[in-house]
């Protein structure tokens, strides 16, 4: 690994000392050209010296959004600079997504193996999405969960003989659309009467034991969610 300049953005003195120690002991190629404990201090540093790497803590001054905005600012003004998030926000998955959207090159959680030489080397070599073991474990778990949901969805669609229009109809009922509104969707070639018939057919399929007695649109949607015909994480309207 070639020598490189790094700025550390961290507002907790003890954690800053620990990060500096990791770099000096494990990654001697890293030349720490400055540290900052606030957004203002970091912006001043960046104007004076542009590093090759920024180690950025997301939680600054009690705010988790400041770090994300600093990442976005850095990438917009200096796209060549690597930004490696080094954060103690170990449970805030939404914050990780925000940091990735802001253009960071990776996220290292302050747990488990912490910051390693191999992580920094991968980042400096141009690898995107550099993660350490704690966050990788959570990403893999979410991936497995997503795949299993997709399999359950596909199985349910086949088992209950649900076609594209059934799924669209149920999804928009779940979103609060009336049948009149659903008929106005692009590519939905049905009138209200046809949708009423389709609803009755779906009730018979999803409630075979009851014969559909007393099942309204709300119960039908709930049943579709229970059977994974509808994915609660992907309920979005189609274009009108």
C-alpha atoms as a PDB file:
ATOM      1  CA  UNK A   1       0.000   0.000   0.000  1.00  0.00           C
ATOM      2  CA  UNK A   2       1.352   3.406  -1.010  1.00  0.00           C
ATOM      3  CA  UNK A   3       1.571   6.187   1.620  1.00  0.00           C
ATOM      4  CA  UNK A   4      -1.577   8.299   1.792  1.00  0.00           C
ATOM      5  CA  UNK A   5      -2.956  11.268   3.686  1.00  0.00           C
ATOM      6  CA  UNK A   6      -5.954  10.885   5.961  1.00  0.00           C
ATOM      7  CA  UNK A   7      -8.260  13.152   7.938  1.00  0.00           C
ATOM      8  CA  UNK A   8     -10.099  11.700  10.942  1.00  0.00           C
ATOM      9  CA  UNK A   9     -13.477  13.190  11.832  1.00  0.00           C
ATOM     10  CA  UNK A  10     -14.385  12.158  15.385  1.00  0.00           C
ATOM     11  CA  UNK A  11     -15.835  14.160  18.287  1.00  0.00           C
ATOM     12  CA  UNK A  12     -15.150  11.729  21.153  1.00  0.00           C
ATOM     13  CA  UNK A  13     -11.536  12.250  22.359  1.00  0.00           C
ATOM     14  CA  UNK A  14     -11.066   8.687  23.606  1.00  0.00           C
ATOM     15  CA  UNK A  15     -12.325   7.194  20.324  1.00  0.00           C
ATOM     16  CA  UNK A  16     -10.166   9.605  18.334  1.00  0.00           C
ATOM     17  CA  UNK A  17      -7.129   8.468  20.306  1.00  0.00           C
ATOM     18  CA  UNK A  18      -8.043   4.837  19.609  1.00  0.00           C
ATOM     19  CA  UNK A  19      -8.431   5.458  15.872  1.00  0.00           C
ATOM     20  CA  UNK A  20      -5.111   7.282  15.713  1.00  0.00           C
ATOM     21  CA  UNK A  21      -3.505   4.357  17.535  1.00  0.00           C
ATOM     22  CA  UNK A  22      -4.902   1.836  15.056  1.00  0.00           C
ATOM     23  CA  UNK A  23      -3.532   3.802  12.112  1.00  0.00           C
ATOM     24  CA  UNK A  24      -0.097   4.370  13.632  1.00  0.00           C
ATOM     25  CA  UNK A  25       0.332   0.779  14.783  1.00  0.00           C
ATOM     26  CA  UNK A  26      -1.385  -1.165  12.011  1.00  0.00           C
ATOM     27  CA  UNK A  27      -1.238   1.134   8.983  1.00  0.00           C
ATOM     28  CA  UNK A  28       2.017   3.130   9.035  1.00  0.00           C
ATOM     29  CA  UNK A  29       1.399   4.247   5.435  1.00  0.00           C
ATOM     30  CA  UNK A  30      -1.368   6.512   6.765  1.00  0.00           C
ATOM     31  CA  UNK A  31      -0.227  10.084   7.313  1.00  0.00           C
ATOM     32  CA  UNK A  32      -2.756  11.773   9.616  1.00  0.00           C
ATOM     33  CA  UNK A  33      -2.789  15.347   8.291  1.00  0.00           C
ATOM     34  CA  UNK A  34      -5.605  16.542  10.558  1.00  0.00           C
ATOM     35  CA  UNK A  35      -8.454  15.695  12.860  1.00  0.00           C
ATOM     36  CA  UNK A  36     -11.820  17.397  13.286  1.00  0.00           C
ATOM     37  CA  UNK A  37     -14.466  17.174  15.984  1.00  0.00           C
ATOM     38  CA  UNK A  38     -17.191  19.109  14.162  1.00  0.00           C
ATOM     39  CA  UNK A  39     -18.541  19.808  10.698  1.00  0.00           C
ATOM     40  CA  UNK A  40     -17.072  23.321  10.711  1.00  0.00           C
ATOM     41  CA  UNK A  41     -13.609  22.111  11.697  1.00  0.00           C
ATOM     42  CA  UNK A  42     -13.693  19.449   8.990  1.00  0.00           C
ATOM     43  CA  UNK A  43     -14.722  21.895   6.241  1.00  0.00           C
ATOM     44  CA  UNK A  44     -11.868  24.199   7.249  1.00  0.00           C
ATOM     45  CA  UNK A  45      -9.404  21.302   7.125  1.00  0.00           C
ATOM     46  CA  UNK A  46     -10.664  20.180   3.731  1.00  0.00           C
ATOM     47  CA  UNK A  47     -10.118  23.672   2.324  1.00  0.00           C
ATOM     48  CA  UNK A  48      -6.524  23.614   3.555  1.00  0.00           C
ATOM     49  CA  UNK A  49      -5.586  20.066   2.596  1.00  0.00           C
ATOM     50  CA  UNK A  50      -7.382  17.472   0.480  1.00  0.00           C
ATOM     51  CA  UNK A  51      -6.488  13.963   1.708  1.00  0.00           C
ATOM     52  CA  UNK A  52      -6.767  10.638  -0.074  1.00  0.00           C
ATOM     53  CA  UNK A  53      -8.927   9.187   2.725  1.00  0.00           C
ATOM     54  CA  UNK A  54     -11.425  10.533   5.245  1.00  0.00           C
ATOM     55  CA  UNK A  55     -12.315   8.370   8.243  1.00  0.00           C
ATOM     56  CA  UNK A  56     -15.706   9.790   9.114  1.00  0.00           C
ATOM     57  CA  UNK A  57     -17.747   9.227  12.254  1.00  0.00           C
ATOM     58  CA  UNK A  58     -21.471   9.700  11.586  1.00  0.00           C
ATOM     59  CA  UNK A  59     -22.503  10.867  15.050  1.00  0.00           C
ATOM     60  CA  UNK A  60     -21.122  14.344  15.569  1.00  0.00           C
ATOM     61  CA  UNK A  61     -22.326  16.645  18.339  1.00  0.00           C
ATOM     62  CA  UNK A  62     -25.266  14.372  19.091  1.00  0.00           C
ATOM     63  CA  UNK A  63     -26.515  14.441  15.490  1.00  0.00           C
ATOM     64  CA  UNK A  64     -26.407  11.436  13.178  1.00  0.00           C
ATOM     65  CA  UNK A  65     -27.280  13.391  10.031  1.00  0.00           C
ATOM     66  CA  UNK A  66     -24.214  15.668  10.122  1.00  0.00           C
ATOM     67  CA  UNK A  67     -21.855  12.859   9.141  1.00  0.00           C
ATOM     68  CA  UNK A  68     -24.023  11.899   6.181  1.00  0.00           C
ATOM     69  CA  UNK A  69     -24.050  15.485   4.936  1.00  0.00           C
ATOM     70  CA  UNK A  70     -20.263  15.745   5.341  1.00  0.00           C
ATOM     71  CA  UNK A  71     -19.882  12.577   3.279  1.00  0.00           C
ATOM     72  CA  UNK A  72     -22.129  14.007   0.558  1.00  0.00           C
ATOM     73  CA  UNK A  73     -20.265  17.335   0.619  1.00  0.00           C
ATOM     74  CA  UNK A  74     -16.892  15.580   0.292  1.00  0.00           C
ATOM     75  CA  UNK A  75     -17.971  13.367  -2.593  1.00  0.00           C
ATOM     76  CA  UNK A  76     -19.630  16.215  -4.480  1.00  0.00           C
ATOM     77  CA  UNK A  77     -16.601  18.506  -4.184  1.00  0.00           C
ATOM     78  CA  UNK A  78     -13.794  15.916  -4.183  1.00  0.00           C
ATOM     79  CA  UNK A  79     -15.053  12.699  -5.813  1.00  0.00           C
ATOM     80  CA  UNK A  80     -11.530  11.280  -5.828  1.00  0.00           C
ATOM     81  CA  UNK A  81     -11.350  11.268  -2.010  1.00  0.00           C
ATOM     82  CA  UNK A  82     -12.193   7.950  -0.338  1.00  0.00           C
ATOM     83  CA  UNK A  83     -14.709   8.255   2.485  1.00  0.00           C
ATOM     84  CA  UNK A  84     -14.738   5.363   4.920  1.00  0.00           C
ATOM     85  CA  UNK A  85     -17.446   5.593   7.557  1.00  0.00           C
ATOM     86  CA  UNK A  86     -16.173   4.533  10.998  1.00  0.00           C
ATOM     87  CA  UNK A  87     -19.180   4.621  13.266  1.00  0.00           C
ATOM     88  CA  UNK A  88     -20.594   3.441  16.564  1.00  0.00           C
ATOM     89  CA  UNK A  89     -24.119   3.572  15.122  1.00  0.00           C
ATOM     90  CA  UNK A  90     -24.297  -0.218  15.131  1.00  0.00           C
ATOM     91  CA  UNK A  91     -28.108  -0.564  15.050  1.00  0.00           C
ATOM     92  CA  UNK A  92     -29.173   2.323  12.829  1.00  0.00           C
ATOM     93  CA  UNK A  93     -29.621   0.602   9.461  1.00  0.00           C
ATOM     94  CA  UNK A  94     -31.408   3.618   7.966  1.00  0.00           C
ATOM     95  CA  UNK A  95     -28.318   5.681   8.682  1.00  0.00           C
ATOM     96  CA  UNK A  96     -26.129   3.160   6.862  1.00  0.00           C
ATOM     97  CA  UNK A  97     -28.380   3.411   3.806  1.00  0.00           C
ATOM     98  CA  UNK A  98     -28.209   7.224   3.954  1.00  0.00           C
ATOM     99  CA  UNK A  99     -24.392   7.073   4.099  1.00  0.00           C
ATOM    100  CA  UNK A 100     -24.260   4.730   1.106  1.00  0.00           C
ATOM    101  CA  UNK A 101     -26.618   7.024  -0.815  1.00  0.00           C
ATOM    102  CA  UNK A 102     -24.310   9.921   0.046  1.00  0.00           C
ATOM    103  CA  UNK A 103     -21.493   8.097  -1.780  1.00  0.00           C
ATOM    104  CA  UNK A 104     -19.337   6.608   0.965  1.00  0.00           C
ATOM    105  CA  UNK A 105     -16.840   3.919  -0.047  1.00  0.00           C
ATOM    106  CA  UNK A 106     -17.615   1.651   2.876  1.00  0.00           C
ATOM    107  CA  UNK A 107     -18.850   1.353   6.442  1.00  0.00           C
ATOM    108  CA  UNK A 108     -16.839   0.026   9.363  1.00  0.00           C
ATOM    109  CA  UNK A 109     -18.773  -0.524  12.583  1.00  0.00           C
ATOM    110  CA  UNK A 110     -17.015   0.134  15.879  1.00  0.00           C
ATOM    111  CA  UNK A 111     -17.586  -3.385  17.103  1.00  0.00           C
ATOM    112  CA  UNK A 112     -15.991  -6.769  16.554  1.00  0.00           C
ATOM    113  CA  UNK A 113     -12.743  -6.489  14.609  1.00  0.00           C
ATOM    114  CA  UNK A 114     -12.935  -2.668  14.264  1.00  0.00           C
ATOM    115  CA  UNK A 115     -10.761  -1.061  11.577  1.00  0.00           C
ATOM    116  CA  UNK A 116      -8.291  -3.443   9.932  1.00  0.00           C
ATOM    117  CA  UNK A 117      -5.390  -2.946   7.569  1.00  0.00           C
ATOM    118  CA  UNK A 118      -7.112  -5.083   4.929  1.00  0.00           C
ATOM    119  CA  UNK A 119     -10.247  -2.887   5.057  1.00  0.00           C
ATOM    120  CA  UNK A 120      -8.237   0.293   4.555  1.00  0.00           C
ATOM    121  CA  UNK A 121      -6.093  -1.304   1.841  1.00  0.00           C
ATOM    122  CA  UNK A 122      -9.211  -2.452  -0.029  1.00  0.00           C
ATOM    123  CA  UNK A 123     -10.678   1.041   0.155  1.00  0.00           C
ATOM    124  CA  UNK A 124      -7.464   2.709  -1.030  1.00  0.00           C
ATOM    125  CA  UNK A 125      -7.234   0.200  -3.901  1.00  0.00           C
ATOM    126  CA  UNK A 126     -10.592   1.437  -5.195  1.00  0.00           C
ATOM    127  CA  UNK A 127     -12.918  -1.226  -3.849  1.00  0.00           C
ATOM    128  CA  UNK A 128     -16.434   0.013  -3.211  1.00  0.00           C
ATOM    129  CA  UNK A 129     -18.681  -1.255  -0.431  1.00  0.00           C
ATOM    130  CA  UNK A 130     -15.938  -2.057   2.087  1.00  0.00           C
ATOM    131  CA  UNK A 131     -17.593  -3.497   5.192  1.00  0.00           C
ATOM    132  CA  UNK A 132     -16.240  -5.159   8.319  1.00  0.00           C
ATOM    133  CA  UNK A 133     -17.566  -8.376   9.810  1.00  0.00           C
ATOM    134  CA  UNK A 134     -20.334  -6.979  12.075  1.00  0.00           C
ATOM    135  CA  UNK A 135     -22.087  -5.103   9.287  1.00  0.00           C
ATOM    136  CA  UNK A 136     -21.468  -7.910   6.783  1.00  0.00           C
ATOM    137  CA  UNK A 137     -23.249 -10.325   9.096  1.00  0.00           C
ATOM    138  CA  UNK A 138     -26.300  -8.063   9.209  1.00  0.00           C
ATOM    139  CA  UNK A 139     -26.239  -7.490   5.443  1.00  0.00           C
ATOM    140  CA  UNK A 140     -26.105 -11.252   4.807  1.00  0.00           C
ATOM    141  CA  UNK A 141     -28.974 -11.821   7.246  1.00  0.00           C
ATOM    142  CA  UNK A 142     -31.087  -9.219   5.452  1.00  0.00           C
ATOM    143  CA  UNK A 143     -30.171 -10.779   2.097  1.00  0.00           C
ATOM    144  CA  UNK A 144     -31.256 -14.237   3.248  1.00  0.00           C
ATOM    145  CA  UNK A 145     -34.477 -12.787   4.628  1.00  0.00           C
ATOM    146  CA  UNK A 146     -35.179 -10.998   1.340  1.00  0.00           C
ATOM    147  CA  UNK A 147     -34.524 -14.150  -0.725  1.00  0.00           C
ATOM    148  CA  UNK A 148     -36.760 -16.253   1.532  1.00  0.00           C
ATOM    149  CA  UNK A 149     -39.554 -13.682   1.199  1.00  0.00           C
ATOM    150  CA  UNK A 150     -39.180 -13.773  -2.586  1.00  0.00           C
ATOM    151  CA  UNK A 151     -39.388 -17.571  -2.588  1.00  0.00           C
ATOM    152  CA  UNK A 152     -42.498 -17.512  -0.386  1.00  0.00           C
ATOM    153  CA  UNK A 153     -44.047 -14.883  -2.666  1.00  0.00           C
ATOM    154  CA  UNK A 154     -43.335 -16.931  -5.788  1.00  0.00           C
ATOM    155  CA  UNK A 155     -44.667 -20.118  -4.219  1.00  0.00           C
ATOM    156  CA  UNK A 156     -47.853 -18.366  -3.108  1.00  0.00           C
ATOM    157  CA  UNK A 157     -48.431 -16.866  -6.566  1.00  0.00           C
ATOM    158  CA  UNK A 158     -48.166 -20.345  -8.112  1.00  0.00           C
ATOM    159  CA  UNK A 159     -50.131 -22.220  -5.460  1.00  0.00           C
ATOM    160  CA  UNK A 160     -53.091 -19.830  -5.491  1.00  0.00           C
ATOM    161  CA  UNK A 161     -52.874 -19.185  -9.257  1.00  0.00           C
ATOM    162  CA  UNK A 162     -52.412 -15.450  -8.850  1.00  0.00           C
ATOM    163  CA  UNK A 163     -51.713 -13.582 -12.078  1.00  0.00           C
ATOM    164  CA  UNK A 164     -50.237 -10.122 -12.665  1.00  0.00           C
ATOM    165  CA  UNK A 165     -53.635  -8.408 -12.581  1.00  0.00           C
ATOM    166  CA  UNK A 166     -54.622 -10.156  -9.356  1.00  0.00           C
ATOM    167  CA  UNK A 167     -51.431  -8.924  -7.712  1.00  0.00           C
ATOM    168  CA  UNK A 168     -51.903  -5.365  -8.978  1.00  0.00           C
ATOM    169  CA  UNK A 169     -55.533  -5.370  -7.874  1.00  0.00           C
ATOM    170  CA  UNK A 170     -54.702  -6.630  -4.370  1.00  0.00           C
ATOM    171  CA  UNK A 171     -51.739  -4.272  -4.017  1.00  0.00           C
ATOM    172  CA  UNK A 172     -53.807  -1.216  -4.823  1.00  0.00           C
ATOM    173  CA  UNK A 173     -56.612  -2.338  -2.534  1.00  0.00           C
ATOM    174  CA  UNK A 174     -53.960  -2.531   0.205  1.00  0.00           C
ATOM    175  CA  UNK A 175     -52.921   1.036  -0.640  1.00  0.00           C
ATOM    176  CA  UNK A 176     -56.499   2.263  -0.178  1.00  0.00           C
ATOM    177  CA  UNK A 177     -57.510   2.600  -3.829  1.00  0.00           C
ATOM    178  CA  UNK A 178     -61.159   2.192  -4.754  1.00  0.00           C
ATOM    179  CA  UNK A 179     -62.138  -0.093  -7.609  1.00  0.00           C
ATOM    180  CA  UNK A 180     -62.963   2.995  -9.667  1.00  0.00           C
ATOM    181  CA  UNK A 181     -59.430   4.312  -9.131  1.00  0.00           C
ATOM    182  CA  UNK A 182     -57.886   0.939  -9.981  1.00  0.00           C
ATOM    183  CA  UNK A 183     -59.695   0.838 -13.330  1.00  0.00           C
ATOM    184  CA  UNK A 184     -57.883   4.078 -14.205  1.00  0.00           C
ATOM    185  CA  UNK A 185     -54.409   2.597 -13.789  1.00  0.00           C
ATOM    186  CA  UNK A 186     -52.297   2.316 -16.918  1.00  0.00           C
ATOM    187  CA  UNK A 187     -52.556  -1.144 -18.455  1.00  0.00           C
ATOM    188  CA  UNK A 188     -55.478  -2.246 -16.270  1.00  0.00           C
ATOM    189  CA  UNK A 189     -58.074  -3.376 -18.869  1.00  0.00           C
ATOM    190  CA  UNK A 190     -60.972  -3.952 -16.480  1.00  0.00           C
ATOM    191  CA  UNK A 191     -64.082  -2.097 -15.439  1.00  0.00           C
ATOM    192  CA  UNK A 192     -65.570  -2.035 -11.954  1.00  0.00           C
ATOM    193  CA  UNK A 193     -67.819  -5.046 -12.610  1.00  0.00           C
ATOM    194  CA  UNK A 194     -64.866  -7.125 -13.799  1.00  0.00           C
ATOM    195  CA  UNK A 195     -62.885  -6.163 -10.697  1.00  0.00           C
ATOM    196  CA  UNK A 196     -65.779  -7.157  -8.468  1.00  0.00           C
ATOM    197  CA  UNK A 197     -65.820 -10.571 -10.159  1.00  0.00           C
ATOM    198  CA  UNK A 198     -62.037 -10.815  -9.778  1.00  0.00           C
ATOM    199  CA  UNK A 199     -62.375  -9.958  -6.074  1.00  0.00           C
ATOM    200  CA  UNK A 200     -64.947 -12.706  -5.575  1.00  0.00           C
ATOM    201  CA  UNK A 201     -62.702 -15.186  -7.389  1.00  0.00           C
ATOM    202  CA  UNK A 202     -59.790 -14.228  -5.149  1.00  0.00           C
ATOM    203  CA  UNK A 203     -61.924 -14.631  -2.033  1.00  0.00           C
ATOM    204  CA  UNK A 204     -62.844 -18.151  -3.109  1.00  0.00           C
ATOM    205  CA  UNK A 205     -59.166 -18.975  -3.737  1.00  0.00           C
ATOM    206  CA  UNK A 206     -57.833 -17.533  -0.478  1.00  0.00           C
ATOM    207  CA  UNK A 207     -60.736 -18.559   1.768  1.00  0.00           C
ATOM    208  CA  UNK A 208     -61.666 -21.983   0.365  1.00  0.00           C
ATOM    209  CA  UNK A 209     -63.058 -23.288   3.668  1.00  0.00           C
ATOM    210  CA  UNK A 210     -65.495 -20.425   4.268  1.00  0.00           C
ATOM    211  CA  UNK A 211     -66.776 -20.239   0.724  1.00  0.00           C
ATOM    212  CA  UNK A 212     -66.120 -16.499   0.859  1.00  0.00           C
ATOM    213  CA  UNK A 213     -69.002 -15.718   3.205  1.00  0.00           C
ATOM    214  CA  UNK A 214     -68.481 -12.421   5.043  1.00  0.00           C
ATOM    215  CA  UNK A 215     -65.071 -11.686   3.504  1.00  0.00           C
ATOM    216  CA  UNK A 216     -64.658  -8.054   2.501  1.00  0.00           C
ATOM    217  CA  UNK A 217     -61.791  -6.303   0.690  1.00  0.00           C
ATOM    218  CA  UNK A 218     -59.933  -5.584   3.941  1.00  0.00           C
ATOM    219  CA  UNK A 219     -59.909  -9.232   5.036  1.00  0.00           C
ATOM    220  CA  UNK A 220     -58.867 -10.249   1.531  1.00  0.00           C
ATOM    221  CA  UNK A 221     -55.870  -7.908   1.619  1.00  0.00           C
ATOM    222  CA  UNK A 222     -54.851  -9.080   5.101  1.00  0.00           C
ATOM    223  CA  UNK A 223     -54.998 -12.682   3.896  1.00  0.00           C
ATOM    224  CA  UNK A 224     -52.881 -11.826   0.846  1.00  0.00           C
ATOM    225  CA  UNK A 225     -50.269 -10.276   3.150  1.00  0.00           C
ATOM    226  CA  UNK A 226     -50.309 -13.314   5.452  1.00  0.00           C
ATOM    227  CA  UNK A 227     -49.751 -15.662   2.511  1.00  0.00           C
ATOM    228  CA  UNK A 228     -46.944 -13.431   1.106  1.00  0.00           C
ATOM    229  CA  UNK A 229     -48.897 -12.859  -2.103  1.00  0.00           C
ATOM    230  CA  UNK A 230     -48.304  -9.221  -1.216  1.00  0.00           C
ATOM    231  CA  UNK A 231     -44.940  -8.077   0.117  1.00  0.00           C
ATOM    232  CA  UNK A 232     -45.494  -5.496   2.891  1.00  0.00           C
ATOM    233  CA  UNK A 233     -42.069  -3.991   2.142  1.00  0.00           C
ATOM    234  CA  UNK A 234     -42.938  -3.388  -1.517  1.00  0.00           C
ATOM    235  CA  UNK A 235     -46.385  -1.849  -1.504  1.00  0.00           C
ATOM    236  CA  UNK A 236     -46.141   0.895  -4.090  1.00  0.00           C
ATOM    237  CA  UNK A 237     -48.661   2.242  -6.607  1.00  0.00           C
ATOM    238  CA  UNK A 238     -48.384   1.819 -10.346  1.00  0.00           C
ATOM    239  CA  UNK A 239     -48.563   4.780 -12.702  1.00  0.00           C
ATOM    240  CA  UNK A 240     -52.043   6.100 -13.310  1.00  0.00           C
END
